[in-house]
Amino acid sequence: MDAWGSLVDCPFEHQFDDCLKKFEIVWSPWSMFVDYVNQTWIIPHKEKFVKAWRNKVMHLGNTTTNRYENCHFLLGFRN
């Protein structure tokens, strides 16, 4: 799962392809999984959850749309 974390937390667009290749190499024994992730998540939605694109929008630290959950997280109330 380290390769997935590196892919999602990739800080710059120019590093994204390298992180994606690393992910594909690590998970290559499960090619159906790699195909699923690429076709379902990476290709159509990478701008929504990969840090390299997500940090282009000013969000002031708020990375959730659920205000209630975000407030509880900031106050330290975790279930």
PDB file of N, CA and C in Angstrom:
ATOM      1  N   MET A   1       0.817  -1.195   0.000  1.00  0.00           N
ATOM      2  CA  MET A   1       0.000   0.000   0.000  1.00  0.00           C
ATOM      3  C   MET A   1       0.862   1.260   0.000  1.00  0.00           C
ATOM      4  N   ASP A   2       2.145   1.114   0.219  1.00  0.00           N
ATOM      5  CA  ASP A   2       3.042   2.257   0.211  1.00  0.00           C
ATOM      6  C   ASP A   2       3.069   2.931  -1.158  1.00  0.00           C
ATOM      7  N   ALA A   3       2.984   2.129  -2.222  1.00  0.00           N
ATOM      8  CA  ALA A   3       2.990   2.688  -3.573  1.00  0.00           C
ATOM      9  C   ALA A   3       1.725   3.502  -3.824  1.00  0.00           C
ATOM     10  N   TRP A   4       0.594   3.058  -3.277  1.00  0.00           N
ATOM     11  CA  TRP A   4      -0.653   3.817  -3.421  1.00  0.00           C
ATOM     12  C   TRP A   4      -0.551   5.143  -2.668  1.00  0.00           C
ATOM     13  N   GLY A   5      -0.018   5.111  -1.463  1.00  0.00           N
ATOM     14  CA  GLY A   5       0.159   6.331  -0.688  1.00  0.00           C
ATOM     15  C   GLY A   5       1.073   7.320  -1.390  1.00  0.00           C
ATOM     16  N   SER A   6       2.137   6.825  -1.984  1.00  0.00           N
ATOM     17  CA  SER A   6       3.050   7.691  -2.727  1.00  0.00           C
ATOM     18  C   SER A   6       2.358   8.299  -3.937  1.00  0.00           C
ATOM     19  N   LEU A   7       1.508   7.531  -4.577  1.00  0.00           N
ATOM     20  CA  LEU A   7       0.779   8.021  -5.749  1.00  0.00           C
ATOM     21  C   LEU A   7      -0.208   9.115  -5.352  1.00  0.00           C
ATOM     22  N   VAL A   8      -0.984   8.872  -4.324  1.00  0.00           N
ATOM     23  CA  VAL A   8      -1.997   9.829  -3.894  1.00  0.00           C
ATOM     24  C   VAL A   8      -1.360  11.081  -3.296  1.00  0.00           C
ATOM     25  N   ASP A   9      -0.239  10.925  -2.597  1.00  0.00           N
ATOM     26  CA  ASP A   9       0.438  12.055  -1.962  1.00  0.00           C
ATOM     27  C   ASP A   9       1.508  12.686  -2.834  1.00  0.00           C
ATOM     28  N   CYS A  10       1.536  12.346  -4.103  1.00  0.00           N
ATOM     29  CA  CYS A  10       2.519  12.913  -5.028  1.00  0.00           C
ATOM     30  C   CYS A  10       2.342  14.433  -5.071  1.00  0.00           C
ATOM     31  N   PRO A  11       3.359  15.198  -4.653  1.00  0.00           N
ATOM     32  CA  PRO A  11       3.177  16.640  -4.495  1.00  0.00           C
ATOM     33  C   PRO A  11       3.232  17.451  -5.785  1.00  0.00           C
ATOM     34  N   PHE A  12       3.821  16.916  -6.842  1.00  0.00           N
ATOM     35  CA  PHE A  12       3.987  17.684  -8.073  1.00  0.00           C
ATOM     36  C   PHE A  12       3.539  16.875  -9.287  1.00  0.00           C
ATOM     37  N   GLU A  13       2.970  17.580 -10.258  1.00  0.00           N
ATOM     38  CA  GLU A  13       2.486  16.914 -11.470  1.00  0.00           C
ATOM     39  C   GLU A  13       3.604  16.202 -12.219  1.00  0.00           C
ATOM     40  N   HIS A  14       4.788  16.811 -12.278  1.00  0.00           N
ATOM     41  CA  HIS A  14       5.876  16.194 -13.033  1.00  0.00           C
ATOM     42  C   HIS A  14       6.374  14.894 -12.389  1.00  0.00           C
ATOM     43  N   GLN A  15       6.061  14.657 -11.121  1.00  0.00           N
ATOM     44  CA  GLN A  15       6.434  13.410 -10.448  1.00  0.00           C
ATOM     45  C   GLN A  15       5.336  12.355 -10.539  1.00  0.00           C
ATOM     46  N   PHE A  16       4.166  12.750 -10.969  1.00  0.00           N
ATOM     47  CA  PHE A  16       3.022  11.843 -10.965  1.00  0.00           C
ATOM     48  C   PHE A  16       3.262  10.604 -11.813  1.00  0.00           C
ATOM     49  N   ASP A  17       3.806  10.779 -13.024  1.00  0.00           N
ATOM     50  CA  ASP A  17       4.036   9.624 -13.900  1.00  0.00           C
ATOM     51  C   ASP A  17       5.000   8.624 -13.270  1.00  0.00           C
ATOM     52  N   ASP A  18       6.030   9.120 -12.576  1.00  0.00           N
ATOM     53  CA  ASP A  18       6.970   8.221 -11.893  1.00  0.00           C
ATOM     54  C   ASP A  18       6.277   7.446 -10.772  1.00  0.00           C
ATOM     55  N   CYS A  19       5.434   8.141 -10.010  1.00  0.00           N
ATOM     56  CA  CYS A  19       4.700   7.479  -8.928  1.00  0.00           C
ATOM     57  C   CYS A  19       3.716   6.452  -9.489  1.00  0.00           C
ATOM     58  N   LEU A  20       3.081   6.788 -10.603  1.00  0.00           N
ATOM     59  CA  LEU A  20       2.149   5.859 -11.238  1.00  0.00           C
ATOM     60  C   LEU A  20       2.882   4.610 -11.740  1.00  0.00           C
ATOM     61  N   LYS A  21       4.048   4.800 -12.338  1.00  0.00           N
ATOM     62  CA  LYS A  21       4.833   3.645 -12.813  1.00  0.00           C
ATOM     63  C   LYS A  21       5.256   2.759 -11.643  1.00  0.00           C
ATOM     64  N   LYS A  22       5.666   3.378 -10.535  1.00  0.00           N
ATOM     65  CA  LYS A  22       6.048   2.610  -9.345  1.00  0.00           C
ATOM     66  C   LYS A  22       4.862   1.793  -8.847  1.00  0.00           C
ATOM     67  N   PHE A  23       3.686   2.433  -8.786  1.00  0.00           N
ATOM     68  CA  PHE A  23       2.469   1.739  -8.374  1.00  0.00           C
ATOM     69  C   PHE A  23       2.184   0.542  -9.294  1.00  0.00           C
ATOM     70  N   GLU A  24       2.288   0.762 -10.595  1.00  0.00           N
ATOM     71  CA  GLU A  24       2.014  -0.309 -11.561  1.00  0.00           C
ATOM     72  C   GLU A  24       3.024  -1.446 -11.445  1.00  0.00           C
ATOM     73  N   ILE A  25       4.267  -1.139 -11.154  1.00  0.00           N
ATOM     74  CA  ILE A  25       5.283  -2.182 -11.006  1.00  0.00           C
ATOM     75  C   ILE A  25       5.032  -3.002  -9.737  1.00  0.00           C
ATOM     76  N   VAL A  26       4.747  -2.313  -8.631  1.00  0.00           N
ATOM     77  CA  VAL A  26       4.513  -3.001  -7.359  1.00  0.00           C
ATOM     78  C   VAL A  26       3.309  -3.936  -7.460  1.00  0.00           C
ATOM     79  N   TRP A  27       2.253  -3.467  -8.115  1.00  0.00           N
ATOM     80  CA  TRP A  27       1.009  -4.244  -8.196  1.00  0.00           C
ATOM     81  C   TRP A  27       0.895  -5.050  -9.495  1.00  0.00           C
ATOM     82  N   SER A  28       1.964  -5.154 -10.270  1.00  0.00           N
ATOM     83  CA  SER A  28       1.916  -5.853 -11.558  1.00  0.00           C
ATOM     84  C   SER A  28       1.471  -7.321 -11.464  1.00  0.00           C
ATOM     85  N   PRO A  29       1.722  -8.032 -10.363  1.00  0.00           N
ATOM     86  CA  PRO A  29       1.196  -9.402 -10.296  1.00  0.00           C
ATOM     87  C   PRO A  29      -0.340  -9.461 -10.314  1.00  0.00           C
ATOM     88  N   TRP A  30      -0.968  -8.357  -9.985  1.00  0.00           N
ATOM     89  CA  TRP A  30      -2.435  -8.284  -9.994  1.00  0.00           C
ATOM     90  C   TRP A  30      -2.863  -7.290 -11.063  1.00  0.00           C
ATOM     91  N   SER A  31      -2.649  -7.664 -12.316  1.00  0.00           N
ATOM     92  CA  SER A  31      -2.881  -6.747 -13.427  1.00  0.00           C
ATOM     93  C   SER A  31      -4.338  -6.292 -13.538  1.00  0.00           C
ATOM     94  N   MET A  32      -5.281  -7.149 -13.142  1.00  0.00           N
ATOM     95  CA  MET A  32      -6.685  -6.734 -13.185  1.00  0.00           C
ATOM     96  C   MET A  32      -6.932  -5.590 -12.195  1.00  0.00           C
ATOM     97  N   PHE A  33      -6.292  -5.645 -11.051  1.00  0.00           N
ATOM     98  CA  PHE A  33      -6.411  -4.573 -10.067  1.00  0.00           C
ATOM     99  C   PHE A  33      -5.825  -3.270 -10.603  1.00  0.00           C
ATOM    100  N   VAL A  34      -4.649  -3.346 -11.227  1.00  0.00           N
ATOM    101  CA  VAL A  34      -4.008  -2.158 -11.800  1.00  0.00           C
ATOM    102  C   VAL A  34      -4.896  -1.556 -12.883  1.00  0.00           C
ATOM    103  N   ASP A  35      -5.456  -2.401 -13.736  1.00  0.00           N
ATOM    104  CA  ASP A  35      -6.355  -1.914 -14.786  1.00  0.00           C
ATOM    105  C   ASP A  35      -7.588  -1.242 -14.189  1.00  0.00           C
ATOM    106  N   TYR A  36      -8.152  -1.862 -13.152  1.00  0.00           N
ATOM    107  CA  TYR A  36      -9.331  -1.289 -12.491  1.00  0.00           C
ATOM    108  C   TYR A  36      -9.017   0.088 -11.904  1.00  0.00           C
ATOM    109  N   VAL A  37      -7.907   0.183 -11.179  1.00  0.00           N
ATOM    110  CA  VAL A  37      -7.544   1.451 -10.548  1.00  0.00           C
ATOM    111  C   VAL A  37      -7.303   2.524 -11.608  1.00  0.00           C
ATOM    112  N   ASN A  38      -6.596   2.176 -12.658  1.00  0.00           N
ATOM    113  CA  ASN A  38      -6.318   3.143 -13.719  1.00  0.00           C
ATOM    114  C   ASN A  38      -7.594   3.601 -14.417  1.00  0.00           C
ATOM    115  N   GLN A  39      -8.430   2.662 -14.804  1.00  0.00           N
ATOM    116  CA  GLN A  39      -9.618   2.994 -15.588  1.00  0.00           C
ATOM    117  C   GLN A  39     -10.732   3.618 -14.758  1.00  0.00           C
ATOM    118  N   THR A  40     -10.831   3.239 -13.488  1.00  0.00           N
ATOM    119  CA  THR A  40     -11.933   3.710 -12.660  1.00  0.00           C
ATOM    120  C   THR A  40     -11.577   4.951 -11.857  1.00  0.00           C
ATOM    121  N   TRP A  41     -10.320   5.063 -11.422  1.00  0.00           N
ATOM    122  CA  TRP A  41      -9.947   6.159 -10.537  1.00  0.00           C
ATOM    123  C   TRP A  41      -8.896   7.099 -11.101  1.00  0.00           C
ATOM    124  N   ILE A  42      -7.775   6.574 -11.539  1.00  0.00           N
ATOM    125  CA  ILE A  42      -6.653   7.422 -11.924  1.00  0.00           C
ATOM    126  C   ILE A  42      -6.964   8.271 -13.149  1.00  0.00           C
ATOM    127  N   ILE A  43      -7.378   7.650 -14.228  1.00  0.00           N
ATOM    128  CA  ILE A  43      -7.602   8.404 -15.463  1.00  0.00           C
ATOM    129  C   ILE A  43      -8.738   9.412 -15.328  1.00  0.00           C
ATOM    130  N   PRO A  44      -9.915   9.022 -14.848  1.00  0.00           N
ATOM    131  CA  PRO A  44     -10.999  10.017 -14.810  1.00  0.00           C
ATOM    132  C   PRO A  44     -10.993  10.958 -13.601  1.00  0.00           C
ATOM    133  N   HIS A  45     -10.353  10.594 -12.488  1.00  0.00           N
ATOM    134  CA  HIS A  45     -10.532  11.370 -11.258  1.00  0.00           C
ATOM    135  C   HIS A  45      -9.251  11.818 -10.562  1.00  0.00           C
ATOM    136  N   LYS A  46      -8.096  11.710 -11.174  1.00  0.00           N
ATOM    137  CA  LYS A  46      -6.854  12.014 -10.453  1.00  0.00           C
ATOM    138  C   LYS A  46      -6.821  13.455  -9.938  1.00  0.00           C
ATOM    139  N   GLU A  47      -7.446  14.389 -10.649  1.00  0.00           N
ATOM    140  CA  GLU A  47      -7.438  15.785 -10.217  1.00  0.00           C
ATOM    141  C   GLU A  47      -8.212  15.996  -8.927  1.00  0.00           C
ATOM    142  N   LYS A  48      -9.049  15.045  -8.552  1.00  0.00           N
ATOM    143  CA  LYS A  48      -9.889  15.206  -7.370  1.00  0.00           C
ATOM    144  C   LYS A  48      -9.244  14.688  -6.088  1.00  0.00           C
ATOM    145  N   PHE A  49      -8.285  13.765  -6.200  1.00  0.00           N
ATOM    146  CA  PHE A  49      -7.730  13.203  -4.967  1.00  0.00           C
ATOM    147  C   PHE A  49      -6.212  13.114  -4.915  1.00  0.00           C
ATOM    148  N   VAL A  50      -5.512  13.367  -5.983  1.00  0.00           N
ATOM    149  CA  VAL A  50      -4.049  13.347  -5.953  1.00  0.00           C
ATOM    150  C   VAL A  50      -3.563  14.726  -5.521  1.00  0.00           C
ATOM    151  N   LYS A  51      -2.676  14.762  -4.556  1.00  0.00           N
ATOM    152  CA  LYS A  51      -2.215  16.007  -3.938  1.00  0.00           C
ATOM    153  C   LYS A  51      -1.688  17.020  -4.952  1.00  0.00           C
ATOM    154  N   ALA A  52      -1.051  16.565  -6.019  1.00  0.00           N
ATOM    155  CA  ALA A  52      -0.483  17.477  -7.009  1.00  0.00           C
ATOM    156  C   ALA A  52      -1.540  18.394  -7.618  1.00  0.00           C
ATOM    157  N   TRP A  53      -2.739  17.909  -7.795  1.00  0.00           N
ATOM    158  CA  TRP A  53      -3.816  18.722  -8.365  1.00  0.00           C
ATOM    159  C   TRP A  53      -4.688  19.327  -7.271  1.00  0.00           C
ATOM    160  N   ARG A  54      -4.903  18.590  -6.215  1.00  0.00           N
ATOM    161  CA  ARG A  54      -5.782  19.035  -5.141  1.00  0.00           C
ATOM    162  C   ARG A  54      -5.259  20.310  -4.489  1.00  0.00           C
ATOM    163  N   ASN A  55      -3.945  20.487  -4.405  1.00  0.00           N
ATOM    164  CA  ASN A  55      -3.369  21.648  -3.741  1.00  0.00           C
ATOM    165  C   ASN A  55      -3.385  22.911  -4.600  1.00  0.00           C
ATOM    166  N   LYS A  56      -3.933  22.842  -5.800  1.00  0.00           N
ATOM    167  CA  LYS A  56      -4.034  24.022  -6.639  1.00  0.00           C
ATOM    168  C   LYS A  56      -5.246  24.876  -6.272  1.00  0.00           C
ATOM    169  N   VAL A  57      -6.137  24.342  -5.471  1.00  0.00           N
ATOM    170  CA  VAL A  57      -7.334  25.054  -5.055  1.00  0.00           C
ATOM    171  C   VAL A  57      -7.132  25.511  -3.615  1.00  0.00           C
ATOM    172  N   MET A  58      -7.421  26.768  -3.344  1.00  0.00           N
ATOM    173  CA  MET A  58      -7.267  27.264  -1.985  1.00  0.00           C
ATOM    174  C   MET A  58      -8.356  26.662  -1.103  1.00  0.00           C
ATOM    175  N   HIS A  59      -7.961  25.793  -0.181  1.00  0.00           N
ATOM    176  CA  HIS A  59      -8.932  25.128   0.675  1.00  0.00           C
ATOM    177  C   HIS A  59      -8.709  25.435   2.152  1.00  0.00           C
ATOM    178  N   LEU A  60      -7.665  26.193   2.468  1.00  0.00           N
ATOM    179  CA  LEU A  60      -7.380  26.621   3.838  1.00  0.00           C
ATOM    180  C   LEU A  60      -7.371  25.471   4.838  1.00  0.00           C
ATOM    181  N   GLY A  61      -6.907  24.316   4.394  1.00  0.00           N
ATOM    182  CA  GLY A  61      -6.808  23.167   5.268  1.00  0.00           C
ATOM    183  C   GLY A  61      -8.070  22.331   5.352  1.00  0.00           C
ATOM    184  N   ASN A  62      -9.159  22.801   4.777  1.00  0.00           N
ATOM    185  CA  ASN A  62     -10.411  22.054   4.810  1.00  0.00           C
ATOM    186  C   ASN A  62     -10.454  21.118   3.608  1.00  0.00           C
ATOM    187  N   THR A  63     -10.271  19.838   3.845  1.00  0.00           N
ATOM    188  CA  THR A  63     -10.256  18.868   2.752  1.00  0.00           C
ATOM    189  C   THR A  63     -11.488  17.987   2.749  1.00  0.00           C
ATOM    190  N   THR A  64     -12.528  18.399   3.484  1.00  0.00           N
ATOM    191  CA  THR A  64     -13.782  17.658   3.479  1.00  0.00           C
ATOM    192  C   THR A  64     -14.928  18.643   3.297  1.00  0.00           C
ATOM    193  N   THR A  65     -16.017  18.174   2.723  1.00  0.00           N
ATOM    194  CA  THR A  65     -17.182  19.038   2.555  1.00  0.00           C
ATOM    195  C   THR A  65     -18.144  18.883   3.718  1.00  0.00           C
ATOM    196  N   ASN A  66     -17.873  17.951   4.601  1.00  0.00           N
ATOM    197  CA  ASN A  66     -18.746  17.703   5.734  1.00  0.00           C
ATOM    198  C   ASN A  66     -18.264  18.538   6.917  1.00  0.00           C
ATOM    199  N   ARG A  67     -18.909  19.656   7.185  1.00  0.00           N
ATOM    200  CA  ARG A  67     -18.468  20.580   8.241  1.00  0.00           C
ATOM    201  C   ARG A  67     -18.483  19.930   9.618  1.00  0.00           C
ATOM    202  N   TYR A  68     -19.503  19.151   9.894  1.00  0.00           N
ATOM    203  CA  TYR A  68     -19.625  18.510  11.200  1.00  0.00           C
ATOM    204  C   TYR A  68     -18.432  17.603  11.476  1.00  0.00           C
ATOM    205  N   GLU A  69     -18.106  16.746  10.532  1.00  0.00           N
ATOM    206  CA  GLU A  69     -16.972  15.829  10.707  1.00  0.00           C
ATOM    207  C   GLU A  69     -15.665  16.598  10.801  1.00  0.00           C
ATOM    208  N   ASN A  70     -15.523  17.625  10.003  1.00  0.00           N
ATOM    209  CA  ASN A  70     -14.291  18.404  10.025  1.00  0.00           C
ATOM    210  C   ASN A  70     -14.120  19.102  11.370  1.00  0.00           C
ATOM    211  N   CYS A  71     -15.188  19.663  11.923  1.00  0.00           N
ATOM    212  CA  CYS A  71     -15.107  20.322  13.229  1.00  0.00           C
ATOM    213  C   CYS A  71     -14.723  19.343  14.326  1.00  0.00           C
ATOM    214  N   HIS A  72     -15.301  18.144  14.283  1.00  0.00           N
ATOM    215  CA  HIS A  72     -14.958  17.144  15.286  1.00  0.00           C
ATOM    216  C   HIS A  72     -13.494  16.725  15.161  1.00  0.00           C
ATOM    217  N   PHE A  73     -13.015  16.624  13.931  1.00  0.00           N
ATOM    218  CA  PHE A  73     -11.617  16.256  13.756  1.00  0.00           C
ATOM    219  C   PHE A  73     -10.705  17.332  14.330  1.00  0.00           C
ATOM    220  N   LEU A  74     -11.032  18.586  14.036  1.00  0.00           N
ATOM    221  CA  LEU A  74     -10.183  19.676  14.521  1.00  0.00           C
ATOM    222  C   LEU A  74     -10.198  19.778  16.034  1.00  0.00           C
ATOM    223  N   LEU A  75     -11.314  19.421  16.658  1.00  0.00           N
ATOM    224  CA  LEU A  75     -11.425  19.487  18.116  1.00  0.00           C
ATOM    225  C   LEU A  75     -10.870  18.235  18.805  1.00  0.00           C
ATOM    226  N   GLY A  76     -10.577  17.209  18.030  1.00  0.00           N
ATOM    227  CA  GLY A  76     -10.002  16.005  18.603  1.00  0.00           C
ATOM    228  C   GLY A  76     -11.017  14.936  18.967  1.00  0.00           C
ATOM    229  N   PHE A  77     -12.280  15.123  18.599  1.00  0.00           N
ATOM    230  CA  PHE A  77     -13.299  14.107  18.882  1.00  0.00           C
ATOM    231  C   PHE A  77     -13.292  13.092  17.750  1.00  0.00           C
ATOM    232  N   ARG A  78     -12.740  11.949  18.025  1.00  0.00           N
ATOM    233  CA  ARG A  78     -12.678  10.900  16.988  1.00  0.00           C
ATOM    234  C   ARG A  78     -13.330   9.661  17.526  1.00  0.00           C
ATOM    235  N   ASN A  79     -14.125   9.035  16.665  1.00  0.00           N
ATOM    236  CA  ASN A  79     -14.831   7.791  17.081  1.00  0.00           C
ATOM    237  C   ASN A  79     -13.907   6.619  16.966  1.00  0.00           C
TER     238      ASN A  79
END
